[in-house]
Amino acid sequence: MPSQLETAMESLILVFHRYASKDGKTGTLSRRALRDLMSNELSNFLKCQKDPAAVDKIMKDLDTNGDGQVDFEEFVSLVVGLSIACEQCYQARMKNVAQKKSAIMGEVQTAIFLLIDAFKQYAGTDGDKNSMSKAEVKEMFKKEFGLEMGKAKDQVGIDRIFKDLDANSDNKVDFQEFVCLVASLAMLMRDPPLSK
């Protein structure tokens, strides 16, 4: 059975390819496909936007190579940005869950909350709930990825993985660094696209 993190990555890949294939181009999203994806999968996010041109602005920001299309890597940038922004919303949502059930979320929103849940599951067991220590990163790889990545039990392997994750060299992996790791893993897993 896939872990929460693997499920989140697979959801991102599947959603991207579902909408990318609507225009006949399997590797990119057109402006229309991005609008459809955001309307269906990020509907709560769009409802909060007061600017009717929000999708067009997002498309312009995401389309880093200027080809009028959003490829998977550019799409993952959107998800990373939204994940970071949603982390505070997550805290508020967790307080309200006991009081009221949240609205039905699209798959991308669900994947974002799964990422946040996965981070929160491992961060803080050593005391700091906003970051993961080297031991917590090791535990995450062991539990989330099983034997394949769990074999990095020797200290040198763990040190190398941790150093690569710790982009700001503060000896901790914060949420942004964690999301960048997940985005990289999702990009590695997407060729060939996963299917249900």
C-alpha atoms as a PDB file:
ATOM      1  CA  MET A   1       0.000   0.000   0.000  1.00  0.00           C
ATOM      2  CA  PRO A   2       1.461   3.381  -0.948  1.00  0.00           C
ATOM      3  CA  SER A   3       2.369   5.843   1.783  1.00  0.00           C
ATOM      4  CA  GLN A   4       0.687   9.249   2.100  1.00  0.00           C
ATOM      5  CA  LEU A   5       3.661  10.895   0.420  1.00  0.00           C
ATOM      6  CA  GLU A   6       3.662   8.452  -2.495  1.00  0.00           C
ATOM      7  CA  THR A   7      -0.111   8.917  -2.867  1.00  0.00           C
ATOM      8  CA  ALA A   8       0.311  12.702  -2.941  1.00  0.00           C
ATOM      9  CA  MET A   9       3.029  12.496  -5.605  1.00  0.00           C
ATOM     10  CA  GLU A  10       0.995  10.087  -7.710  1.00  0.00           C
ATOM     11  CA  SER A  11      -2.061  12.360  -7.452  1.00  0.00           C
ATOM     12  CA  LEU A  12      -0.060  15.334  -8.734  1.00  0.00           C
ATOM     13  CA  ILE A  13       1.244  13.308 -11.666  1.00  0.00           C
ATOM     14  CA  LEU A  14      -2.155  11.858 -12.560  1.00  0.00           C
ATOM     15  CA  VAL A  15      -3.953  15.195 -12.335  1.00  0.00           C
ATOM     16  CA  PHE A  16      -1.345  16.909 -14.511  1.00  0.00           C
ATOM     17  CA  HIS A  17      -1.558  14.258 -17.218  1.00  0.00           C
ATOM     18  CA  ARG A  18      -5.368  14.104 -17.080  1.00  0.00           C
ATOM     19  CA  TYR A  19      -5.625  17.805 -17.938  1.00  0.00           C
ATOM     20  CA  ALA A  20      -2.579  17.896 -20.242  1.00  0.00           C
ATOM     21  CA  SER A  21      -4.074  15.195 -22.444  1.00  0.00           C
ATOM     22  CA  LYS A  22      -7.314  17.165 -22.988  1.00  0.00           C
ATOM     23  CA  ASP A  23      -5.665  19.398 -25.591  1.00  0.00           C
ATOM     24  CA  GLY A  24      -3.866  16.546 -27.322  1.00  0.00           C
ATOM     25  CA  LYS A  25      -0.480  17.551 -25.877  1.00  0.00           C
ATOM     26  CA  THR A  26       0.381  15.020 -23.205  1.00  0.00           C
ATOM     27  CA  GLY A  27       3.394  16.844 -21.792  1.00  0.00           C
ATOM     28  CA  THR A  28       2.024  20.361 -21.272  1.00  0.00           C
ATOM     29  CA  LEU A  29      -1.005  22.323 -20.117  1.00  0.00           C
ATOM     30  CA  SER A  30      -2.440  25.050 -22.335  1.00  0.00           C
ATOM     31  CA  ARG A  31      -4.004  28.162 -20.781  1.00  0.00           C
ATOM     32  CA  ARG A  32      -7.450  26.508 -21.158  1.00  0.00           C
ATOM     33  CA  ALA A  33      -6.264  23.224 -19.611  1.00  0.00           C
ATOM     34  CA  LEU A  34      -4.659  25.102 -16.688  1.00  0.00           C
ATOM     35  CA  ARG A  35      -7.895  27.050 -16.176  1.00  0.00           C
ATOM     36  CA  ASP A  36      -9.898  23.780 -16.180  1.00  0.00           C
ATOM     37  CA  LEU A  37      -7.444  22.153 -13.772  1.00  0.00           C
ATOM     38  CA  MET A  38      -7.571  25.076 -11.379  1.00  0.00           C
ATOM     39  CA  SER A  39     -11.381  25.361 -11.631  1.00  0.00           C
ATOM     40  CA  ASN A  40     -11.868  21.676 -10.857  1.00  0.00           C
ATOM     41  CA  GLU A  41      -8.911  20.824  -8.622  1.00  0.00           C
ATOM     42  CA  LEU A  42      -8.230  24.131  -6.863  1.00  0.00           C
ATOM     43  CA  SER A  43     -11.764  25.508  -6.733  1.00  0.00           C
ATOM     44  CA  ASN A  44     -11.488  26.730  -3.132  1.00  0.00           C
ATOM     45  CA  PHE A  45      -8.292  28.598  -3.994  1.00  0.00           C
ATOM     46  CA  LEU A  46      -9.940  30.293  -6.981  1.00  0.00           C
ATOM     47  CA  LYS A  47     -13.013  31.263  -4.945  1.00  0.00           C
ATOM     48  CA  CYS A  48     -10.722  33.257  -2.637  1.00  0.00           C
ATOM     49  CA  GLN A  49      -9.203  35.164  -5.561  1.00  0.00           C
ATOM     50  CA  LYS A  50     -10.747  38.573  -6.100  1.00  0.00           C
ATOM     51  CA  ASP A  51      -8.938  39.073  -9.417  1.00  0.00           C
ATOM     52  CA  PRO A  52     -10.806  37.466 -12.365  1.00  0.00           C
ATOM     53  CA  ALA A  53      -7.505  37.362 -14.290  1.00  0.00           C
ATOM     54  CA  ALA A  54      -5.801  35.273 -11.570  1.00  0.00           C
ATOM     55  CA  VAL A  55      -5.387  32.200 -13.795  1.00  0.00           C
ATOM     56  CA  ASP A  56      -3.891  34.306 -16.597  1.00  0.00           C
ATOM     57  CA  LYS A  57      -1.417  35.863 -14.150  1.00  0.00           C
ATOM     58  CA  ILE A  58      -0.538  32.433 -12.758  1.00  0.00           C
ATOM     59  CA  MET A  59      -0.057  31.099 -16.297  1.00  0.00           C
ATOM     60  CA  LYS A  60       2.286  33.976 -17.102  1.00  0.00           C
ATOM     61  CA  ASP A  61       4.297  33.386 -13.914  1.00  0.00           C
ATOM     62  CA  LEU A  62       4.478  29.623 -14.427  1.00  0.00           C
ATOM     63  CA  ASP A  63       5.383  29.684 -18.122  1.00  0.00           C
ATOM     64  CA  THR A  64       9.065  30.352 -17.445  1.00  0.00           C
ATOM     65  CA  ASN A  65      10.203  29.427 -20.952  1.00  0.00           C
ATOM     66  CA  GLY A  66       7.511  31.579 -22.620  1.00  0.00           C
ATOM     67  CA  ASP A  67       6.084  28.861 -24.877  1.00  0.00           C
ATOM     68  CA  GLY A  68       2.445  29.426 -23.857  1.00  0.00           C
ATOM     69  CA  GLN A  69       2.346  26.006 -22.196  1.00  0.00           C
ATOM     70  CA  VAL A  70       2.952  24.798 -18.636  1.00  0.00           C
ATOM     71  CA  ASP A  71       5.073  21.656 -18.445  1.00  0.00           C
ATOM     72  CA  PHE A  72       5.174  19.334 -15.433  1.00  0.00           C
ATOM     73  CA  GLU A  73       8.142  21.073 -13.841  1.00  0.00           C
ATOM     74  CA  GLU A  74       6.402  24.451 -14.133  1.00  0.00           C
ATOM     75  CA  PHE A  75       3.193  22.892 -12.722  1.00  0.00           C
ATOM     76  CA  VAL A  76       5.122  21.498  -9.748  1.00  0.00           C
ATOM     77  CA  SER A  77       6.345  25.054  -9.047  1.00  0.00           C
ATOM     78  CA  LEU A  78       2.704  26.091  -8.661  1.00  0.00           C
ATOM     79  CA  VAL A  79       2.026  23.216  -6.275  1.00  0.00           C
ATOM     80  CA  VAL A  80       5.172  23.994  -4.247  1.00  0.00           C
ATOM     81  CA  GLY A  81       4.171  27.643  -3.925  1.00  0.00           C
ATOM     82  CA  LEU A  82       0.607  26.784  -2.971  1.00  0.00           C
ATOM     83  CA  SER A  83       1.818  24.148  -0.498  1.00  0.00           C
ATOM     84  CA  ILE A  84       3.999  26.667   1.276  1.00  0.00           C
ATOM     85  CA  ALA A  85       1.190  29.232   1.331  1.00  0.00           C
ATOM     86  CA  CYS A  86      -1.339  26.643   2.499  1.00  0.00           C
ATOM     87  CA  GLU A  87       0.738  25.467   5.450  1.00  0.00           C
ATOM     88  CA  GLN A  88      -0.652  28.257   7.635  1.00  0.00           C
ATOM     89  CA  CYS A  89      -4.148  27.570   6.312  1.00  0.00           C
ATOM     90  CA  TYR A  90      -3.602  23.963   7.333  1.00  0.00           C
ATOM     91  CA  GLN A  91      -3.083  25.030  10.933  1.00  0.00           C
ATOM     92  CA  ALA A  92      -6.385  26.928  10.886  1.00  0.00           C
ATOM     93  CA  ARG A  93      -8.114  24.035   9.104  1.00  0.00           C
ATOM     94  CA  MET A  94      -6.971  21.569  11.753  1.00  0.00           C
ATOM     95  CA  LYS A  95      -8.586  23.738  14.435  1.00  0.00           C
ATOM     96  CA  ASN A  96     -11.872  23.826  12.507  1.00  0.00           C
ATOM     97  CA  VAL A  97     -12.017  20.144  11.490  1.00  0.00           C
ATOM     98  CA  ALA A  98     -13.471  19.097  14.814  1.00  0.00           C
ATOM     99  CA  GLN A  99     -16.112  21.818  14.553  1.00  0.00           C
ATOM    100  CA  LYS A 100     -17.097  21.519  10.907  1.00  0.00           C
ATOM    101  CA  LYS A 101     -16.323  19.291   7.932  1.00  0.00           C
ATOM    102  CA  SER A 102     -14.393  21.112   5.218  1.00  0.00           C
ATOM    103  CA  ALA A 103     -15.722  21.518   1.658  1.00  0.00           C
ATOM    104  CA  ILE A 104     -14.973  18.837  -0.897  1.00  0.00           C
ATOM    105  CA  MET A 105     -11.469  19.397  -2.166  1.00  0.00           C
ATOM    106  CA  GLY A 106     -10.002  18.645  -5.561  1.00  0.00           C
ATOM    107  CA  GLU A 107      -7.202  16.123  -5.923  1.00  0.00           C
ATOM    108  CA  VAL A 108      -4.469  18.770  -5.996  1.00  0.00           C
ATOM    109  CA  GLN A 109      -5.772  20.358  -2.789  1.00  0.00           C
ATOM    110  CA  THR A 110      -5.946  16.919  -1.213  1.00  0.00           C
ATOM    111  CA  ALA A 111      -2.358  16.219  -2.328  1.00  0.00           C
ATOM    112  CA  ILE A 112      -1.210  19.503  -0.783  1.00  0.00           C
ATOM    113  CA  PHE A 113      -2.818  18.612   2.539  1.00  0.00           C
ATOM    114  CA  LEU A 114      -1.309  15.110   2.329  1.00  0.00           C
ATOM    115  CA  LEU A 115       2.122  16.713   1.915  1.00  0.00           C
ATOM    116  CA  ILE A 116       1.517  18.893   4.948  1.00  0.00           C
ATOM    117  CA  ASP A 117       0.274  15.890   6.947  1.00  0.00           C
ATOM    118  CA  ALA A 118       3.338  13.851   5.950  1.00  0.00           C
ATOM    119  CA  PHE A 119       5.678  16.661   7.022  1.00  0.00           C
ATOM    120  CA  LYS A 120       3.874  17.120  10.339  1.00  0.00           C
ATOM    121  CA  GLN A 121       4.008  13.371  10.946  1.00  0.00           C
ATOM    122  CA  TYR A 122       7.816  13.359  10.991  1.00  0.00           C
ATOM    123  CA  ALA A 123       8.723  16.911  12.062  1.00  0.00           C
ATOM    124  CA  GLY A 124       8.757  17.565  15.750  1.00  0.00           C
ATOM    125  CA  THR A 125       9.491  14.150  17.162  1.00  0.00           C
ATOM    126  CA  ASP A 126      12.848  15.684  18.192  1.00  0.00           C
ATOM    127  CA  GLY A 127      11.129  18.807  19.564  1.00  0.00           C
ATOM    128  CA  ASP A 128      10.949  21.362  16.696  1.00  0.00           C
ATOM    129  CA  LYS A 129       7.614  20.947  14.900  1.00  0.00           C
ATOM    130  CA  ASN A 130       8.629  23.293  12.056  1.00  0.00           C
ATOM    131  CA  SER A 131      11.567  21.249  10.826  1.00  0.00           C
ATOM    132  CA  MET A 132      12.992  17.749  10.599  1.00  0.00           C
ATOM    133  CA  SER A 133      16.272  16.645  12.131  1.00  0.00           C
ATOM    134  CA  LYS A 134      18.610  14.170  10.461  1.00  0.00           C
ATOM    135  CA  ALA A 135      17.064  11.335  12.509  1.00  0.00           C
ATOM    136  CA  GLU A 136      13.551  12.397  11.462  1.00  0.00           C
ATOM    137  CA  VAL A 137      14.592  12.518   7.777  1.00  0.00           C
ATOM    138  CA  LYS A 138      16.067   9.023   8.122  1.00  0.00           C
ATOM    139  CA  GLU A 139      12.812   7.775   9.699  1.00  0.00           C
ATOM    140  CA  MET A 140      10.746   9.401   6.931  1.00  0.00           C
ATOM    141  CA  PHE A 141      12.779   7.715   4.176  1.00  0.00           C
ATOM    142  CA  LYS A 142      12.547   4.374   5.959  1.00  0.00           C
ATOM    143  CA  LYS A 143       8.766   4.522   6.508  1.00  0.00           C
ATOM    144  CA  GLU A 144       7.669   6.353   3.341  1.00  0.00           C
ATOM    145  CA  PHE A 145       9.872   4.672   0.784  1.00  0.00           C
ATOM    146  CA  GLY A 146      10.462   1.285   2.337  1.00  0.00           C
ATOM    147  CA  LEU A 147      13.563  -0.742   1.642  1.00  0.00           C
ATOM    148  CA  GLU A 148      14.516   1.036  -1.577  1.00  0.00           C
ATOM    149  CA  MET A 149      15.468   4.291   0.096  1.00  0.00           C
ATOM    150  CA  GLY A 150      15.651   2.881   3.595  1.00  0.00           C
ATOM    151  CA  LYS A 151      18.958   1.212   2.711  1.00  0.00           C
ATOM    152  CA  ALA A 152      20.763   4.504   3.285  1.00  0.00           C
ATOM    153  CA  LYS A 153      21.375   3.377   6.850  1.00  0.00           C
ATOM    154  CA  ASP A 154      25.068   4.155   6.898  1.00  0.00           C
ATOM    155  CA  GLN A 155      25.912   7.571   8.332  1.00  0.00           C
ATOM    156  CA  VAL A 156      27.681   8.766   5.162  1.00  0.00           C
ATOM    157  CA  GLY A 157      24.581   8.124   3.024  1.00  0.00           C
ATOM    158  CA  ILE A 158      22.262   9.820   5.505  1.00  0.00           C
ATOM    159  CA  ASP A 159      24.663  12.772   5.798  1.00  0.00           C
ATOM    160  CA  ARG A 160      24.703  13.219   1.995  1.00  0.00           C
ATOM    161  CA  ILE A 161      20.901  13.032   1.690  1.00  0.00           C
ATOM    162  CA  PHE A 162      20.463  15.444   4.583  1.00  0.00           C
ATOM    163  CA  LYS A 163      23.025  17.907   3.181  1.00  0.00           C
ATOM    164  CA  ASP A 164      21.230  17.882  -0.199  1.00  0.00           C
ATOM    165  CA  LEU A 165      17.876  18.536   1.484  1.00  0.00           C
ATOM    166  CA  ASP A 166      19.142  21.228   3.860  1.00  0.00           C
ATOM    167  CA  ALA A 167      19.379  23.989   1.226  1.00  0.00           C
ATOM    168  CA  ASN A 168      20.023  26.783   3.745  1.00  0.00           C
ATOM    169  CA  SER A 169      22.575  24.742   5.775  1.00  0.00           C
ATOM    170  CA  ASP A 170      20.841  25.265   9.121  1.00  0.00           C
ATOM    171  CA  ASN A 171      21.042  21.544  10.052  1.00  0.00           C
ATOM    172  CA  LYS A 172      17.257  21.213   9.719  1.00  0.00           C
ATOM    173  CA  VAL A 173      14.877  20.414   6.871  1.00  0.00           C
ATOM    174  CA  ASP A 174      12.019  22.911   6.931  1.00  0.00           C
ATOM    175  CA  PHE A 175       8.709  22.603   5.088  1.00  0.00           C
ATOM    176  CA  GLN A 176       9.933  24.440   1.984  1.00  0.00           C
ATOM    177  CA  GLU A 177      12.972  22.152   1.691  1.00  0.00           C
ATOM    178  CA  PHE A 178      10.704  19.131   2.227  1.00  0.00           C
ATOM    179  CA  VAL A 179       8.295  20.244  -0.529  1.00  0.00           C
ATOM    180  CA  CYS A 180      11.232  20.769  -2.913  1.00  0.00           C
ATOM    181  CA  LEU A 181      12.313  17.184  -2.192  1.00  0.00           C
ATOM    182  CA  VAL A 182       8.815  15.874  -2.908  1.00  0.00           C
ATOM    183  CA  ALA A 183       8.637  17.936  -6.112  1.00  0.00           C
ATOM    184  CA  SER A 184      11.953  16.455  -7.264  1.00  0.00           C
ATOM    185  CA  LEU A 185      10.776  12.938  -6.453  1.00  0.00           C
ATOM    186  CA  ALA A 186       7.496  13.554  -8.316  1.00  0.00           C
ATOM    187  CA  MET A 187       9.434  14.707 -11.384  1.00  0.00           C
ATOM    188  CA  LEU A 188      11.574  11.571 -11.214  1.00  0.00           C
ATOM    189  CA  MET A 189       8.499   9.349 -10.889  1.00  0.00           C
ATOM    190  CA  ARG A 190       6.518  10.924 -13.744  1.00  0.00           C
ATOM    191  CA  ASP A 191       8.298   9.268 -16.677  1.00  0.00           C
ATOM    192  CA  PRO A 192       6.428   7.196 -17.689  1.00  0.00           C
ATOM    193  CA  PRO A 193       3.245   8.661 -16.182  1.00  0.00           C
ATOM    194  CA  LEU A 194       1.670   6.532 -13.481  1.00  0.00           C
ATOM    195  CA  SER A 195      -1.772   5.124 -14.109  1.00  0.00           C
ATOM    196  CA  LYS A 196      -4.528   4.074 -11.762  1.00  0.00           C
END
